[in-house]
Amino acid sequence: MSLTLIALAAAAATHSVTLDHHGTSMQALYTARADVEARTVGAKTPNRMDMQRCKWTATVVVDRKLDHSPALARTLASDTRFSGSEAGACARDDRLEQRVLAQHGDRIQSTLVAMAERDRAPLMAELDSVRALASN
């Protein structure tokens, strides 16, 4: 897989939201990543054809960061999952995660935008509670 495709997949997996909280403008950055679990199934025996396959399941996880407060960074779980299998044993690197991000980019981006919209009310509540604590 080319580095350009990996860079496009990584760029497509972010979403930025501008918030106004009591007259203060701030940015919330949401970044999607694929939490991939993989296991090798099948036999690899000498003198026979390799029958191993890598079965994988990827769950979309969204990380939230605010530009002004690292204390309010959160990880948001989603119900979006992908699964598949590939020929050969599972590799122990990030290439599988990058391929999942590139292959399912549209669905991951729509999940990311929906989760950012759902997170607006909880984020505003967190900002209100921080403001209340700071004013005491």
N, C-alpha and C. Protein backbone atom coordinates (compact mmCIF):
# COMPACT_ATOMS: atom_id res chain seq x y z
N MET A 1 0.85 -1.17 0.00
CA MET A 1 0.00 0.00 0.00
C MET A 1 0.89 1.23 0.00
N SER A 2 0.52 2.21 -0.78
CA SER A 2 1.36 3.39 -0.90
C SER A 2 1.20 4.31 0.30
N LEU A 3 2.24 5.11 0.54
CA LEU A 3 2.19 6.05 1.66
C LEU A 3 1.15 7.13 1.43
N THR A 4 0.89 7.48 0.18
CA THR A 4 -0.13 8.49 -0.12
C THR A 4 -1.51 8.01 0.31
N LEU A 5 -1.82 6.76 0.04
CA LEU A 5 -3.11 6.20 0.44
C LEU A 5 -3.24 6.15 1.96
N ILE A 6 -2.15 5.81 2.65
CA ILE A 6 -2.18 5.79 4.11
C ILE A 6 -2.38 7.21 4.65
N ALA A 7 -1.71 8.18 4.06
CA ALA A 7 -1.87 9.57 4.50
C ALA A 7 -3.29 10.07 4.25
N LEU A 8 -3.89 9.70 3.11
CA LEU A 8 -5.27 10.09 2.84
C LEU A 8 -6.23 9.45 3.82
N ALA A 9 -5.98 8.19 4.17
CA ALA A 9 -6.84 7.51 5.14
C ALA A 9 -6.74 8.16 6.50
N ALA A 10 -5.53 8.53 6.89
CA ALA A 10 -5.36 9.18 8.19
C ALA A 10 -6.00 10.56 8.20
N ALA A 11 -5.89 11.29 7.09
CA ALA A 11 -6.48 12.62 7.01
C ALA A 11 -8.00 12.55 7.01
N ALA A 12 -8.57 11.51 6.42
CA ALA A 12 -10.02 11.39 6.33
C ALA A 12 -10.63 10.97 7.65
N ALA A 13 -9.82 10.56 8.61
CA ALA A 13 -10.34 10.04 9.87
C ALA A 13 -10.31 11.10 10.98
N THR A 14 -10.43 12.38 10.62
CA THR A 14 -10.49 13.43 11.62
C THR A 14 -11.69 14.34 11.32
N HIS A 15 -12.19 14.97 12.38
CA HIS A 15 -13.32 15.89 12.25
C HIS A 15 -13.15 16.97 13.31
N SER A 16 -13.28 18.22 12.92
CA SER A 16 -13.10 19.34 13.83
C SER A 16 -14.43 20.07 14.02
N VAL A 17 -14.72 20.45 15.26
CA VAL A 17 -15.95 21.16 15.59
C VAL A 17 -15.58 22.42 16.37
N THR A 18 -16.17 23.54 16.00
CA THR A 18 -15.98 24.79 16.73
C THR A 18 -17.14 24.98 17.69
N LEU A 19 -16.81 25.24 18.95
CA LEU A 19 -17.82 25.41 20.00
C LEU A 19 -17.73 26.82 20.57
N ASP A 20 -18.86 27.34 21.02
CA ASP A 20 -18.90 28.61 21.72
C ASP A 20 -19.45 28.32 23.11
N HIS A 21 -18.61 28.51 24.12
CA HIS A 21 -19.03 28.24 25.50
C HIS A 21 -18.87 29.51 26.31
N HIS A 22 -19.99 30.14 26.63
CA HIS A 22 -20.03 31.39 27.41
C HIS A 22 -19.11 32.44 26.82
N GLY A 23 -19.17 32.61 25.50
CA GLY A 23 -18.40 33.65 24.83
C GLY A 23 -16.97 33.25 24.46
N THR A 24 -16.56 32.07 24.82
CA THR A 24 -15.22 31.60 24.48
C THR A 24 -15.32 30.59 23.35
N SER A 25 -14.59 30.86 22.27
CA SER A 25 -14.59 29.94 21.13
C SER A 25 -13.48 28.92 21.32
N MET A 26 -13.79 27.66 21.05
CA MET A 26 -12.80 26.59 21.18
C MET A 26 -13.02 25.54 20.12
N GLN A 27 -11.99 24.77 19.85
CA GLN A 27 -12.03 23.71 18.86
C GLN A 27 -12.00 22.35 19.56
N ALA A 28 -12.84 21.46 19.08
CA ALA A 28 -12.79 20.07 19.51
C ALA A 28 -12.38 19.24 18.30
N LEU A 29 -11.34 18.45 18.45
CA LEU A 29 -10.84 17.62 17.36
C LEU A 29 -11.16 16.16 17.67
N TYR A 30 -11.88 15.53 16.77
CA TYR A 30 -12.25 14.12 16.90
C TYR A 30 -11.42 13.32 15.89
N THR A 31 -10.77 12.29 16.36
CA THR A 31 -9.92 11.45 15.51
C THR A 31 -10.37 10.00 15.65
N ALA A 32 -10.63 9.37 14.51
CA ALA A 32 -11.04 7.97 14.52
C ALA A 32 -9.82 7.07 14.31
N ARG A 33 -9.84 5.95 14.99
CA ARG A 33 -8.83 4.93 14.79
C ARG A 33 -9.50 3.58 14.83
N ALA A 34 -8.86 2.61 14.25
CA ALA A 34 -9.40 1.26 14.23
C ALA A 34 -8.67 0.42 15.26
N ASP A 35 -9.41 -0.10 16.22
CA ASP A 35 -8.85 -1.01 17.22
C ASP A 35 -9.00 -2.42 16.66
N VAL A 36 -7.90 -2.97 16.15
CA VAL A 36 -7.93 -4.22 15.40
C VAL A 36 -7.49 -5.38 16.28
N GLU A 37 -8.31 -6.43 16.28
CA GLU A 37 -7.95 -7.69 16.92
C GLU A 37 -7.83 -8.72 15.80
N ALA A 38 -6.70 -9.42 15.76
CA ALA A 38 -6.47 -10.38 14.69
C ALA A 38 -5.93 -11.68 15.28
N ARG A 39 -6.30 -12.78 14.63
CA ARG A 39 -5.74 -14.07 15.06
C ARG A 39 -5.55 -14.95 13.83
N THR A 40 -4.50 -15.72 13.89
CA THR A 40 -4.17 -16.61 12.79
C THR A 40 -4.86 -17.95 13.02
N VAL A 41 -5.55 -18.43 12.00
CA VAL A 41 -6.21 -19.73 12.07
C VAL A 41 -5.68 -20.59 10.93
N GLY A 42 -5.79 -21.89 11.10
CA GLY A 42 -5.34 -22.81 10.06
C GLY A 42 -3.99 -23.41 10.39
N ALA A 43 -3.60 -24.35 9.58
CA ALA A 43 -2.36 -25.08 9.82
C ALA A 43 -1.29 -24.71 8.82
N LYS A 44 -0.07 -24.75 9.30
CA LYS A 44 1.09 -24.58 8.43
C LYS A 44 1.97 -25.80 8.65
N THR A 45 1.92 -26.70 7.74
CA THR A 45 2.66 -27.96 7.88
C THR A 45 3.70 -28.06 6.76
N PRO A 46 4.81 -28.74 7.05
CA PRO A 46 5.81 -28.91 6.00
C PRO A 46 5.27 -29.82 4.90
N ASN A 47 5.75 -29.63 3.71
CA ASN A 47 5.40 -30.45 2.54
C ASN A 47 3.95 -30.30 2.10
N ARG A 48 3.25 -29.31 2.61
CA ARG A 48 1.87 -29.07 2.19
C ARG A 48 1.69 -27.57 1.96
N MET A 49 0.62 -27.26 1.26
CA MET A 49 0.31 -25.86 1.01
C MET A 49 -0.08 -25.16 2.31
N ASP A 50 0.35 -23.93 2.46
CA ASP A 50 0.04 -23.15 3.66
C ASP A 50 -1.46 -22.86 3.71
N MET A 51 -2.12 -23.23 4.80
CA MET A 51 -3.57 -23.04 4.94
C MET A 51 -3.90 -21.98 5.99
N GLN A 52 -2.93 -21.16 6.37
CA GLN A 52 -3.18 -20.15 7.39
C GLN A 52 -3.95 -18.96 6.82
N ARG A 53 -4.81 -18.39 7.66
CA ARG A 53 -5.55 -17.17 7.33
C ARG A 53 -5.52 -16.26 8.55
N CYS A 54 -5.55 -15.00 8.29
CA CYS A 54 -5.62 -14.00 9.36
C CYS A 54 -7.06 -13.51 9.41
N LYS A 55 -7.75 -13.83 10.49
CA LYS A 55 -9.12 -13.34 10.70
C LYS A 55 -9.02 -12.14 11.62
N TRP A 56 -9.66 -11.03 11.21
CA TRP A 56 -9.56 -9.80 11.99
C TRP A 56 -10.93 -9.16 12.20
N THR A 57 -11.03 -8.42 13.29
CA THR A 57 -12.19 -7.61 13.60
C THR A 57 -11.68 -6.23 14.02
N ALA A 58 -12.23 -5.19 13.43
CA ALA A 58 -11.82 -3.83 13.75
C ALA A 58 -13.01 -3.07 14.32
N THR A 59 -12.81 -2.41 15.44
CA THR A 59 -13.81 -1.57 16.07
C THR A 59 -13.36 -0.12 15.96
N VAL A 60 -14.25 0.75 15.53
CA VAL A 60 -13.91 2.17 15.40
C VAL A 60 -13.97 2.81 16.79
N VAL A 61 -12.88 3.49 17.15
CA VAL A 61 -12.77 4.21 18.42
C VAL A 61 -12.46 5.66 18.08
N VAL A 62 -13.12 6.58 18.77
CA VAL A 62 -12.94 8.01 18.49
C VAL A 62 -12.30 8.68 19.70
N ASP A 63 -11.23 9.43 19.44
CA ASP A 63 -10.54 10.20 20.48
C ASP A 63 -10.91 11.67 20.33
N ARG A 64 -11.25 12.31 21.45
CA ARG A 64 -11.62 13.74 21.44
C ARG A 64 -10.55 14.54 22.18
N LYS A 65 -10.11 15.64 21.57
CA LYS A 65 -9.18 16.56 22.21
C LYS A 65 -9.71 17.97 22.05
N LEU A 66 -9.54 18.79 23.07
CA LEU A 66 -9.88 20.20 22.99
C LEU A 66 -8.60 21.00 22.85
N ASP A 67 -8.67 22.10 22.11
CA ASP A 67 -7.47 22.89 21.87
C ASP A 67 -6.98 23.62 23.11
N HIS A 68 -7.84 23.87 24.08
CA HIS A 68 -7.43 24.65 25.25
C HIS A 68 -7.32 23.83 26.53
N SER A 69 -7.79 22.60 26.54
CA SER A 69 -7.80 21.83 27.79
C SER A 69 -7.53 20.35 27.55
N PRO A 70 -6.29 19.91 27.79
CA PRO A 70 -6.01 18.49 27.63
C PRO A 70 -6.71 17.63 28.69
N ALA A 71 -7.20 18.26 29.75
CA ALA A 71 -7.87 17.50 30.81
C ALA A 71 -9.22 16.94 30.34
N LEU A 72 -9.81 17.53 29.32
CA LEU A 72 -11.11 17.07 28.85
C LEU A 72 -11.01 16.14 27.64
N ALA A 73 -9.83 15.59 27.40
CA ALA A 73 -9.67 14.61 26.32
C ALA A 73 -10.37 13.32 26.73
N ARG A 74 -11.05 12.70 25.78
CA ARG A 74 -11.81 11.48 26.06
C ARG A 74 -11.67 10.50 24.90
N THR A 75 -11.91 9.25 25.20
CA THR A 75 -12.02 8.21 24.18
C THR A 75 -13.47 7.76 24.16
N LEU A 76 -14.09 7.78 22.99
CA LEU A 76 -15.49 7.43 22.83
C LEU A 76 -15.59 6.12 22.07
N ALA A 77 -16.30 5.18 22.62
CA ALA A 77 -16.48 3.88 21.96
C ALA A 77 -17.65 3.96 20.98
N SER A 78 -17.55 3.21 19.91
CA SER A 78 -18.64 3.17 18.94
C SER A 78 -19.07 1.72 18.71
N ASP A 79 -20.20 1.57 18.05
CA ASP A 79 -20.70 0.24 17.72
C ASP A 79 -20.30 -0.19 16.31
N THR A 80 -19.54 0.65 15.62
CA THR A 80 -19.16 0.36 14.24
C THR A 80 -18.02 -0.65 14.22
N ARG A 81 -18.27 -1.77 13.55
CA ARG A 81 -17.28 -2.84 13.46
C ARG A 81 -17.15 -3.32 12.03
N PHE A 82 -15.96 -3.74 11.70
CA PHE A 82 -15.67 -4.35 10.41
C PHE A 82 -14.94 -5.66 10.68
N SER A 83 -15.10 -6.61 9.79
CA SER A 83 -14.36 -7.86 9.95
C SER A 83 -14.01 -8.41 8.58
N GLY A 84 -13.03 -9.27 8.57
CA GLY A 84 -12.59 -9.88 7.32
C GLY A 84 -11.50 -10.89 7.57
N SER A 85 -10.97 -11.41 6.50
CA SER A 85 -9.85 -12.34 6.61
C SER A 85 -8.94 -12.16 5.41
N GLU A 86 -7.69 -12.53 5.61
CA GLU A 86 -6.69 -12.42 4.57
C GLU A 86 -5.86 -13.70 4.56
N ALA A 87 -5.29 -13.99 3.44
CA ALA A 87 -4.44 -15.17 3.33
C ALA A 87 -3.14 -14.95 4.09
N GLY A 88 -2.67 -16.00 4.74
CA GLY A 88 -1.40 -15.94 5.46
C GLY A 88 -1.59 -15.62 6.93
N ALA A 89 -0.48 -15.69 7.66
CA ALA A 89 -0.49 -15.40 9.10
C ALA A 89 -0.63 -13.90 9.33
N CYS A 90 -1.14 -13.53 10.50
CA CYS A 90 -1.32 -12.13 10.85
C CYS A 90 0.03 -11.48 11.12
N ALA A 91 0.23 -10.30 10.57
CA ALA A 91 1.46 -9.53 10.80
C ALA A 91 1.30 -8.73 12.09
N ARG A 92 2.39 -8.45 12.75
CA ARG A 92 2.37 -7.70 14.01
C ARG A 92 2.81 -6.25 13.77
N ASP A 93 2.02 -5.52 12.98
CA ASP A 93 2.31 -4.12 12.72
C ASP A 93 1.00 -3.36 12.48
N ASP A 94 1.09 -2.09 12.13
CA ASP A 94 -0.08 -1.23 11.97
C ASP A 94 -0.64 -1.23 10.55
N ARG A 95 -0.10 -2.04 9.67
CA ARG A 95 -0.57 -2.01 8.29
C ARG A 95 -2.03 -2.45 8.17
N LEU A 96 -2.45 -3.42 8.97
CA LEU A 96 -3.84 -3.87 8.91
C LEU A 96 -4.78 -2.74 9.32
N GLU A 97 -4.45 -2.02 10.37
CA GLU A 97 -5.27 -0.88 10.80
C GLU A 97 -5.35 0.17 9.69
N GLN A 98 -4.25 0.47 9.05
CA GLN A 98 -4.24 1.45 7.97
C GLN A 98 -5.07 0.98 6.78
N ARG A 99 -5.02 -0.31 6.47
CA ARG A 99 -5.84 -0.83 5.37
C ARG A 99 -7.32 -0.74 5.70
N VAL A 100 -7.69 -1.03 6.95
CA VAL A 100 -9.10 -0.92 7.36
C VAL A 100 -9.56 0.53 7.23
N LEU A 101 -8.74 1.48 7.68
CA LEU A 101 -9.09 2.90 7.58
C LEU A 101 -9.24 3.33 6.12
N ALA A 102 -8.36 2.82 5.26
CA ALA A 102 -8.44 3.20 3.85
C ALA A 102 -9.63 2.55 3.16
N GLN A 103 -9.89 1.29 3.47
CA GLN A 103 -10.95 0.54 2.80
C GLN A 103 -12.35 1.00 3.21
N HIS A 104 -12.52 1.35 4.47
CA HIS A 104 -13.84 1.71 4.99
C HIS A 104 -13.91 3.19 5.38
N GLY A 105 -13.18 4.04 4.69
CA GLY A 105 -13.07 5.46 5.05
C GLY A 105 -14.39 6.20 5.09
N ASP A 106 -15.29 5.95 4.13
CA ASP A 106 -16.57 6.68 4.10
C ASP A 106 -17.43 6.37 5.32
N ARG A 107 -17.52 5.09 5.66
CA ARG A 107 -18.35 4.70 6.82
C ARG A 107 -17.71 5.18 8.13
N ILE A 108 -16.40 5.15 8.20
CA ILE A 108 -15.71 5.63 9.40
C ILE A 108 -15.93 7.14 9.54
N GLN A 109 -15.85 7.88 8.44
CA GLN A 109 -16.06 9.32 8.50
C GLN A 109 -17.49 9.65 8.93
N SER A 110 -18.49 8.94 8.43
CA SER A 110 -19.87 9.21 8.83
C SER A 110 -20.08 8.84 10.31
N THR A 111 -19.45 7.78 10.77
CA THR A 111 -19.51 7.43 12.20
C THR A 111 -18.87 8.52 13.04
N LEU A 112 -17.75 9.04 12.57
CA LEU A 112 -17.03 10.09 13.29
C LEU A 112 -17.87 11.35 13.43
N VAL A 113 -18.52 11.77 12.36
CA VAL A 113 -19.37 12.97 12.39
C VAL A 113 -20.57 12.75 13.31
N ALA A 114 -21.20 11.58 13.24
CA ALA A 114 -22.35 11.28 14.10
C ALA A 114 -21.96 11.27 15.57
N MET A 115 -20.80 10.70 15.88
CA MET A 115 -20.35 10.66 17.27
C MET A 115 -20.00 12.05 17.79
N ALA A 116 -19.47 12.91 16.92
CA ALA A 116 -19.17 14.28 17.33
C ALA A 116 -20.45 15.04 17.65
N GLU A 117 -21.49 14.80 16.87
CA GLU A 117 -22.78 15.45 17.14
C GLU A 117 -23.39 14.94 18.45
N ARG A 118 -23.30 13.64 18.68
CA ARG A 118 -23.84 13.07 19.93
C ARG A 118 -23.04 13.52 21.14
N ASP A 119 -21.78 13.84 20.95
CA ASP A 119 -20.91 14.22 22.07
C ASP A 119 -21.06 15.70 22.44
N ARG A 120 -21.78 16.46 21.66
CA ARG A 120 -21.89 17.90 21.92
C ARG A 120 -22.50 18.19 23.30
N ALA A 121 -23.62 17.57 23.63
CA ALA A 121 -24.26 17.82 24.93
C ALA A 121 -23.38 17.37 26.11
N PRO A 122 -22.82 16.16 26.09
CA PRO A 122 -21.93 15.78 27.20
C PRO A 122 -20.70 16.69 27.31
N LEU A 123 -20.16 17.13 26.18
CA LEU A 123 -19.00 18.02 26.21
C LEU A 123 -19.38 19.37 26.83
N MET A 124 -20.52 19.92 26.46
CA MET A 124 -20.96 21.19 27.04
C MET A 124 -21.20 21.04 28.54
N ALA A 125 -21.75 19.90 28.96
CA ALA A 125 -21.95 19.65 30.40
C ALA A 125 -20.61 19.58 31.13
N GLU A 126 -19.62 18.94 30.52
CA GLU A 126 -18.29 18.89 31.14
C GLU A 126 -17.69 20.29 31.25
N LEU A 127 -17.83 21.09 30.20
CA LEU A 127 -17.31 22.45 30.24
C LEU A 127 -18.03 23.30 31.30
N ASP A 128 -19.35 23.11 31.44
CA ASP A 128 -20.09 23.82 32.48
C ASP A 128 -19.62 23.43 33.88
N SER A 129 -19.36 22.15 34.10
CA SER A 129 -18.92 21.70 35.42
C SER A 129 -17.51 22.21 35.72
N VAL A 130 -16.65 22.26 34.72
CA VAL A 130 -15.30 22.81 34.93
C VAL A 130 -15.39 24.30 35.24
N ARG A 131 -16.25 24.98 34.53
CA ARG A 131 -16.43 26.42 34.79
C ARG A 131 -16.97 26.66 36.19
N ALA A 132 -17.93 25.83 36.63
CA ALA A 132 -18.50 25.97 37.97
C ALA A 132 -17.44 25.72 39.05
N LEU A 133 -16.59 24.73 38.83
CA LEU A 133 -15.52 24.46 39.79
C LEU A 133 -14.50 25.59 39.82
N ALA A 134 -14.21 26.15 38.67
CA ALA A 134 -13.23 27.23 38.60
C ALA A 134 -13.73 28.52 39.24
N SER A 135 -15.04 28.73 39.21
CA SER A 135 -15.58 29.97 39.77
C SER A 135 -15.78 29.90 41.27
N ASN A 136 -15.63 28.72 41.87
CA ASN A 136 -15.79 28.61 43.33
C ASN A 136 -14.54 28.97 44.06
